[in-house]
């Protein structure tokens, strides 16, 4: 299983040529890449969200497309449309930017639900429908979407059916003082520009999934994963103080996400089996966007991350 360390280090070193810091975010993005999951990346402007995803696509050697979501964007701008040819008198499909291995949906919450829903079929079925015909998307296929957590003017909340399709919701924070100083030293000159090379390929990524499937998950740990997810649904009832935290808990997709992501993270760290600590580390990324916080909980200052920490604390860890 040591190949996971080698592959991870190779990709992360290449990405580090363009992006300083964000080590945990990069590692979890690699987990999503291996498992074939989509990622919702949230952070303040200027934290290099777009640069990080673009650099990752270059290092992985996959085809990359960026879609800037705006209020006037149309579904056809994403998936494509039918084009009439005067020479042949026939309509032919025009493939939109969704036909790529890694698609960056930049500021996804700036477009209304009609455009966001255009991604649903692509994210779940790995295909799109144009002119009544289905067209398969390239393999592998990932959607990595960004959104700004502060600017709410002209934005639209993502529907629950769409957020549930994201494997992770990752939160990018500000760099440390040392990382920001390194940023000044490296990019303070206008002539400096990183040149990244492909150190992986789509074929290698697909092949890695079979390797990750061999990572062992003990039956006790499977039960622990199910307990974590199912315990979120219990919080729909009032607690001892009469506070009802959640309108709805995590779906079965959360159980699958924890199971698959746990295997991938273990492999990336050179481990042959998944541990409860890995599941606890991944739980916030998997669960925070799958929980429906009540108005009462928000008024009490609770967040979905607070709820996840409570669930982790209250769920017994298997002893073996």
Protein backbone atom coordinates (compact mmCIF):
# COMPACT_ATOMS: atom_id res chain seq x y z
CA UNK A 1 0.00 0.00 0.00
CA UNK A 2 3.03 2.31 0.05
CA UNK A 3 2.31 3.34 -3.55
CA UNK A 4 -0.33 5.69 -2.19
CA UNK A 5 2.32 7.74 -0.41
CA UNK A 6 4.44 7.88 -3.56
CA UNK A 7 1.56 8.93 -5.82
CA UNK A 8 0.26 11.48 -3.32
CA UNK A 9 3.68 13.03 -2.80
CA UNK A 10 4.26 13.26 -6.53
CA UNK A 11 1.01 15.11 -7.18
CA UNK A 12 1.24 17.33 -4.10
CA UNK A 13 4.78 18.44 -4.91
CA UNK A 14 3.65 19.51 -8.36
CA UNK A 15 0.63 21.41 -7.03
CA UNK A 16 2.86 23.10 -4.43
CA UNK A 17 4.73 24.83 -7.26
CA UNK A 18 1.65 27.03 -7.70
CA UNK A 19 -0.17 26.87 -4.37
CA UNK A 20 1.51 27.40 -1.00
CA UNK A 21 0.00 25.65 2.02
CA UNK A 22 -3.53 24.16 2.11
CA UNK A 23 -2.00 20.71 2.66
CA UNK A 24 -5.13 19.20 4.23
CA UNK A 25 -7.35 20.58 1.47
CA UNK A 26 -5.09 19.15 -1.23
CA UNK A 27 -5.05 15.75 0.46
CA UNK A 28 -8.83 15.61 0.69
CA UNK A 29 -9.13 16.72 -2.94
CA UNK A 30 -6.97 13.73 -3.86
CA UNK A 31 -9.31 11.53 -1.83
CA UNK A 32 -12.21 12.83 -3.93
CA UNK A 33 -10.26 12.27 -7.14
CA UNK A 34 -9.55 8.63 -6.28
CA UNK A 35 -13.12 7.89 -5.23
CA UNK A 36 -14.66 9.73 -8.19
CA UNK A 37 -16.44 12.19 -5.91
CA UNK A 38 -17.40 15.81 -6.46
CA UNK A 39 -16.27 18.60 -4.14
CA UNK A 40 -17.83 21.85 -2.93
CA UNK A 41 -15.02 24.23 -1.96
CA UNK A 42 -15.93 27.21 0.19
CA UNK A 43 -13.64 30.05 1.18
CA UNK A 44 -13.09 33.78 1.19
CA UNK A 45 -12.00 35.53 -2.03
CA UNK A 46 -8.28 35.47 -2.71
CA UNK A 47 -7.51 32.08 -1.12
CA UNK A 48 -6.53 30.53 -4.49
CA UNK A 49 -9.52 28.20 -4.80
CA UNK A 50 -9.58 28.46 -8.58
CA UNK A 51 -5.79 28.27 -8.87
CA UNK A 52 -5.71 25.19 -6.65
CA UNK A 53 -8.22 23.26 -8.74
CA UNK A 54 -6.64 24.31 -12.02
CA UNK A 55 -3.18 23.33 -10.75
CA UNK A 56 -4.53 19.98 -9.57
CA UNK A 57 -6.00 19.29 -13.02
CA UNK A 58 -2.66 20.08 -14.66
CA UNK A 59 -0.74 17.83 -12.27
CA UNK A 60 -3.19 14.98 -12.83
CA UNK A 61 -2.96 15.30 -16.62
CA UNK A 62 -6.72 15.55 -17.08
CA UNK A 63 -8.77 17.76 -19.38
CA UNK A 64 -9.91 20.86 -17.50
CA UNK A 65 -12.77 23.28 -18.14
CA UNK A 66 -13.88 26.26 -16.10
CA UNK A 67 -17.46 27.57 -16.04
CA UNK A 68 -18.00 30.98 -14.46
CA UNK A 69 -21.50 30.89 -13.01
CA UNK A 70 -23.43 34.15 -13.39
CA UNK A 71 -27.12 35.07 -13.04
CA UNK A 72 -27.56 35.14 -16.84
CA UNK A 73 -25.98 31.72 -17.45
CA UNK A 74 -28.21 29.22 -19.29
CA UNK A 75 -28.28 25.41 -18.94
CA UNK A 76 -27.19 25.13 -22.57
CA UNK A 77 -24.08 27.14 -21.70
CA UNK A 78 -23.11 24.27 -19.41
CA UNK A 79 -24.17 21.04 -21.13
CA UNK A 80 -24.41 22.19 -24.76
CA UNK A 81 -27.20 22.41 -27.32
CA UNK A 82 -28.28 21.37 -30.81
CA UNK A 83 -26.79 23.38 -33.71
CA UNK A 84 -28.49 23.57 -37.11
CA UNK A 85 -26.25 23.08 -40.14
CA UNK A 86 -27.56 24.83 -43.30
CA UNK A 87 -25.37 22.60 -45.50
CA UNK A 88 -26.84 19.31 -44.31
CA UNK A 89 -30.18 20.60 -43.07
CA UNK A 90 -29.71 18.64 -39.84
CA UNK A 91 -29.22 19.43 -36.19
CA UNK A 92 -25.99 18.24 -34.59
CA UNK A 93 -25.13 18.26 -30.89
CA UNK A 94 -22.68 20.84 -29.62
CA UNK A 95 -20.89 19.71 -26.48
CA UNK A 96 -20.60 22.31 -23.73
CA UNK A 97 -17.74 22.72 -21.26
CA UNK A 98 -19.20 19.95 -19.07
CA UNK A 99 -17.45 17.50 -21.41
CA UNK A 100 -14.16 17.43 -19.54
CA UNK A 101 -12.51 15.29 -16.89
CA UNK A 102 -12.42 18.02 -14.24
CA UNK A 103 -15.00 20.80 -14.42
CA UNK A 104 -14.63 23.87 -12.21
CA UNK A 105 -18.02 25.41 -11.44
CA UNK A 106 -16.74 28.76 -10.22
CA UNK A 107 -19.07 30.60 -7.80
CA UNK A 108 -21.77 28.02 -8.39
CA UNK A 109 -24.24 29.79 -6.11
CA UNK A 110 -24.41 32.83 -8.42
CA UNK A 111 -26.73 31.06 -10.86
CA UNK A 112 -30.39 30.14 -10.25
CA UNK A 113 -31.60 26.60 -9.60
CA UNK A 114 -32.43 25.98 -13.27
CA UNK A 115 -28.75 26.21 -14.19
CA UNK A 116 -27.54 24.38 -11.09
CA UNK A 117 -29.92 21.53 -11.87
CA UNK A 118 -28.23 21.13 -15.25
CA UNK A 119 -25.34 19.62 -13.31
CA UNK A 120 -27.45 17.02 -11.50
CA UNK A 121 -27.58 14.46 -14.30
CA UNK A 122 -23.90 14.94 -15.05
CA UNK A 123 -22.84 14.56 -11.41
CA UNK A 124 -24.97 11.50 -10.71
CA UNK A 125 -25.16 9.64 -14.03
CA UNK A 126 -21.94 10.85 -15.70
CA UNK A 127 -23.97 11.73 -18.76
CA UNK A 128 -26.00 14.63 -20.16
CA UNK A 129 -29.06 14.81 -22.38
CA UNK A 130 -28.96 17.07 -25.44
CA UNK A 131 -31.83 17.12 -27.92
CA UNK A 132 -33.38 14.02 -26.38
CA UNK A 133 -30.20 11.97 -26.70
CA UNK A 134 -27.86 11.00 -23.88
CA UNK A 135 -24.13 11.60 -24.25
CA UNK A 136 -21.61 9.95 -21.91
CA UNK A 137 -19.07 12.19 -20.23
CA UNK A 138 -15.33 11.52 -20.27
CA UNK A 139 -13.85 9.15 -17.71
CA UNK A 140 -12.93 10.05 -15.05
CA UNK A 141 -15.33 12.94 -14.42
CA UNK A 142 -15.37 15.34 -11.45
CA UNK A 143 -17.18 18.57 -10.62
CA UNK A 144 -15.38 20.89 -8.24
CA UNK A 145 -17.49 23.89 -7.32
CA UNK A 146 -16.50 27.01 -5.41
CA UNK A 147 -18.62 29.47 -3.48
CA UNK A 148 -18.08 32.57 -1.36
CA UNK A 149 -19.44 32.19 2.20
CA UNK A 150 -19.79 35.93 2.87
CA UNK A 151 -21.17 37.70 -0.21
CA UNK A 152 -24.88 36.80 -0.32
CA UNK A 153 -26.07 39.49 -2.76
CA UNK A 154 -27.17 37.95 -6.03
CA UNK A 155 -26.63 34.38 -4.85
CA UNK A 156 -28.92 31.36 -4.73
CA UNK A 157 -28.86 28.59 -2.13
CA UNK A 158 -27.95 25.21 -3.57
CA UNK A 159 -30.85 22.72 -3.41
CA UNK A 160 -30.43 19.77 -1.03
CA UNK A 161 -30.69 17.32 -3.92
CA UNK A 162 -27.58 18.87 -5.43
CA UNK A 163 -25.47 19.33 -2.30
CA UNK A 164 -26.03 15.66 -1.44
CA UNK A 165 -24.22 14.76 -4.68
CA UNK A 166 -21.00 16.35 -3.40
CA UNK A 167 -18.69 13.92 -1.64
CA UNK A 168 -17.09 16.70 0.42
CA UNK A 169 -17.70 20.26 1.42
CA UNK A 170 -14.23 21.62 2.15
CA UNK A 171 -13.62 24.90 3.97
CA UNK A 172 -10.50 26.81 2.97
CA UNK A 173 -9.02 29.05 5.64
CA UNK A 174 -6.46 31.86 5.50
CA UNK A 175 -2.80 30.83 5.19
CA UNK A 176 -0.51 30.95 8.19
CA UNK A 177 1.89 33.87 8.66
CA UNK A 178 4.82 31.76 7.42
CA UNK A 179 2.86 30.60 4.35
CA UNK A 180 1.80 34.15 3.50
CA UNK A 181 5.40 35.36 3.81
CA UNK A 182 6.48 32.54 1.49
CA UNK A 183 3.75 33.70 -0.89
CA UNK A 184 5.27 37.18 -0.99
CA UNK A 185 8.76 35.81 -1.57
CA UNK A 186 7.67 33.51 -4.39
CA UNK A 187 5.12 35.62 -6.26
CA UNK A 188 6.31 39.12 -5.38
CA UNK A 189 7.97 39.42 -8.79
CA UNK A 190 5.67 40.02 -11.75
CA UNK A 191 7.84 37.89 -14.02
CA UNK A 192 7.41 34.76 -11.92
CA UNK A 193 4.92 32.22 -13.26
CA UNK A 194 4.67 28.57 -12.21
CA UNK A 195 5.04 25.91 -14.87
CA UNK A 196 3.39 22.64 -13.89
CA UNK A 197 3.75 19.27 -15.57
CA UNK A 198 1.42 16.27 -15.67
CA UNK A 199 2.61 13.64 -13.20
CA UNK A 200 -0.43 11.35 -13.53
CA UNK A 201 -3.07 10.50 -16.13
CA UNK A 202 -6.79 9.68 -16.39
CA UNK A 203 -5.93 6.03 -16.98
CA UNK A 204 -3.82 5.89 -13.83
CA UNK A 205 -6.57 7.50 -11.74
CA UNK A 206 -9.12 4.93 -12.90
CA UNK A 207 -6.66 2.11 -12.18
CA UNK A 208 -6.00 3.40 -8.66
CA UNK A 209 -9.60 2.78 -7.68
CA UNK A 210 -9.11 -0.98 -7.92
CA UNK A 211 -6.09 -0.69 -5.65
CA UNK A 212 -8.03 1.35 -3.09
CA UNK A 213 -10.79 -1.27 -3.07
CA UNK A 214 -8.31 -3.66 -1.43
CA UNK A 215 -7.96 -1.48 1.68
CA UNK A 216 -9.55 -3.41 4.55
CA UNK A 217 -12.57 -2.08 6.44
CA UNK A 218 -13.42 -4.14 9.53
CA UNK A 219 -17.09 -5.05 10.12
CA UNK A 220 -16.93 -3.14 13.43
CA UNK A 221 -15.84 -0.03 11.55
CA UNK A 222 -18.65 -0.43 9.05
CA UNK A 223 -21.02 -0.42 12.01
CA UNK A 224 -19.32 2.70 13.37
CA UNK A 225 -19.82 4.51 10.06
CA UNK A 226 -23.50 3.58 10.01
CA UNK A 227 -23.93 4.66 13.65
CA UNK A 228 -22.41 8.09 12.94
CA UNK A 229 -24.71 8.72 10.00
CA UNK A 230 -27.84 7.30 11.59
CA UNK A 231 -27.26 9.26 14.79
CA UNK A 232 -27.56 12.51 12.83
CA UNK A 233 -31.15 11.54 12.07
CA UNK A 234 -31.95 11.21 15.77
CA UNK A 235 -31.29 14.93 16.21
CA UNK A 236 -34.54 15.72 14.44
CA UNK A 237 -36.16 15.16 17.85
CA UNK A 238 -35.88 17.74 20.69
CA UNK A 239 -33.03 17.17 23.13
CA UNK A 240 -33.20 17.39 26.95
CA UNK A 241 -33.38 21.19 26.71
CA UNK A 242 -36.20 21.08 24.18
CA UNK A 243 -33.91 22.20 21.32
CA UNK A 244 -34.41 20.48 17.98
CA UNK A 245 -31.13 20.75 16.09
CA UNK A 246 -31.91 19.33 12.65
CA UNK A 247 -34.74 19.35 10.16
CA UNK A 248 -33.17 16.34 8.47
CA UNK A 249 -30.13 14.15 8.96
CA UNK A 250 -27.59 12.70 6.54
CA UNK A 251 -28.71 10.47 3.68
CA UNK A 252 -27.36 6.97 2.88
CA UNK A 253 -24.96 8.68 0.46
CA UNK A 254 -23.12 9.92 3.55
CA UNK A 255 -22.49 6.34 4.70
CA UNK A 256 -21.10 5.42 1.28
CA UNK A 257 -19.01 8.58 1.20
CA UNK A 258 -17.41 7.88 4.60
CA UNK A 259 -16.73 4.28 3.62
CA UNK A 260 -15.14 5.11 0.27
CA UNK A 261 -13.27 8.19 1.44
CA UNK A 262 -11.92 6.34 4.46
CA UNK A 263 -10.39 3.72 2.21
CA UNK A 264 -8.88 6.33 -0.10
CA UNK A 265 -7.38 8.37 2.75
CA UNK A 266 -5.89 5.25 4.33
CA UNK A 267 -4.29 4.30 1.01
CA UNK A 268 -2.88 7.79 0.47
CA UNK A 269 -1.20 7.54 3.88
CA UNK A 270 0.25 4.11 3.22
CA UNK A 271 -2.14 2.23 5.51
CA UNK A 272 -3.68 -1.17 4.78
CA UNK A 273 -6.84 -0.66 6.83
CA UNK A 274 -9.21 2.12 7.86
CA UNK A 275 -9.22 3.37 11.47
CA UNK A 276 -11.88 5.24 13.46
CA UNK A 277 -9.57 8.27 13.57
CA UNK A 278 -9.68 8.53 9.77
CA UNK A 279 -13.47 8.37 9.78
CA UNK A 280 -13.65 11.07 12.46
CA UNK A 281 -11.31 13.26 10.42
CA UNK A 282 -13.47 12.93 7.32
CA UNK A 283 -16.85 13.20 9.05
CA UNK A 284 -17.11 17.05 8.98
CA UNK A 285 -16.26 17.19 5.25
CA UNK A 286 -18.81 14.46 4.47
CA UNK A 287 -21.63 15.56 6.77
CA UNK A 288 -21.61 19.38 7.07
CA UNK A 289 -23.51 19.97 3.82
CA UNK A 290 -25.90 17.06 4.32
CA UNK A 291 -27.50 18.29 7.55
CA UNK A 292 -30.49 20.64 7.66
CA UNK A 293 -30.02 22.96 10.62
CA UNK A 294 -33.24 24.23 12.23
CA UNK A 295 -33.98 27.90 12.75
CA UNK A 296 -33.92 27.33 16.51
CA UNK A 297 -30.43 25.82 16.31
CA UNK A 298 -29.15 28.72 14.20
CA UNK A 299 -30.65 31.20 16.66
CA UNK A 300 -28.82 29.37 19.44
CA UNK A 301 -25.53 29.86 17.59
CA UNK A 302 -25.16 26.26 16.49
CA UNK A 303 -23.50 25.26 13.19
CA UNK A 304 -23.51 21.99 11.31
CA UNK A 305 -19.88 21.47 12.35
CA UNK A 306 -20.99 21.76 15.99
CA UNK A 307 -23.60 19.09 15.34
CA UNK A 308 -21.04 16.80 13.70
CA UNK A 309 -18.68 17.19 16.66
CA UNK A 310 -21.54 16.31 19.00
CA UNK A 311 -22.39 13.20 16.99
CA UNK A 312 -18.74 12.08 16.98
CA UNK A 313 -18.51 12.64 20.75
CA UNK A 314 -21.73 10.72 21.49
CA UNK A 315 -21.10 7.76 19.15
CA UNK A 316 -19.15 4.91 20.81
CA UNK A 317 -15.91 4.02 19.04
CA UNK A 318 -15.39 0.30 18.33
CA UNK A 319 -12.73 -1.22 20.55
CA UNK A 320 -11.26 -3.47 17.84
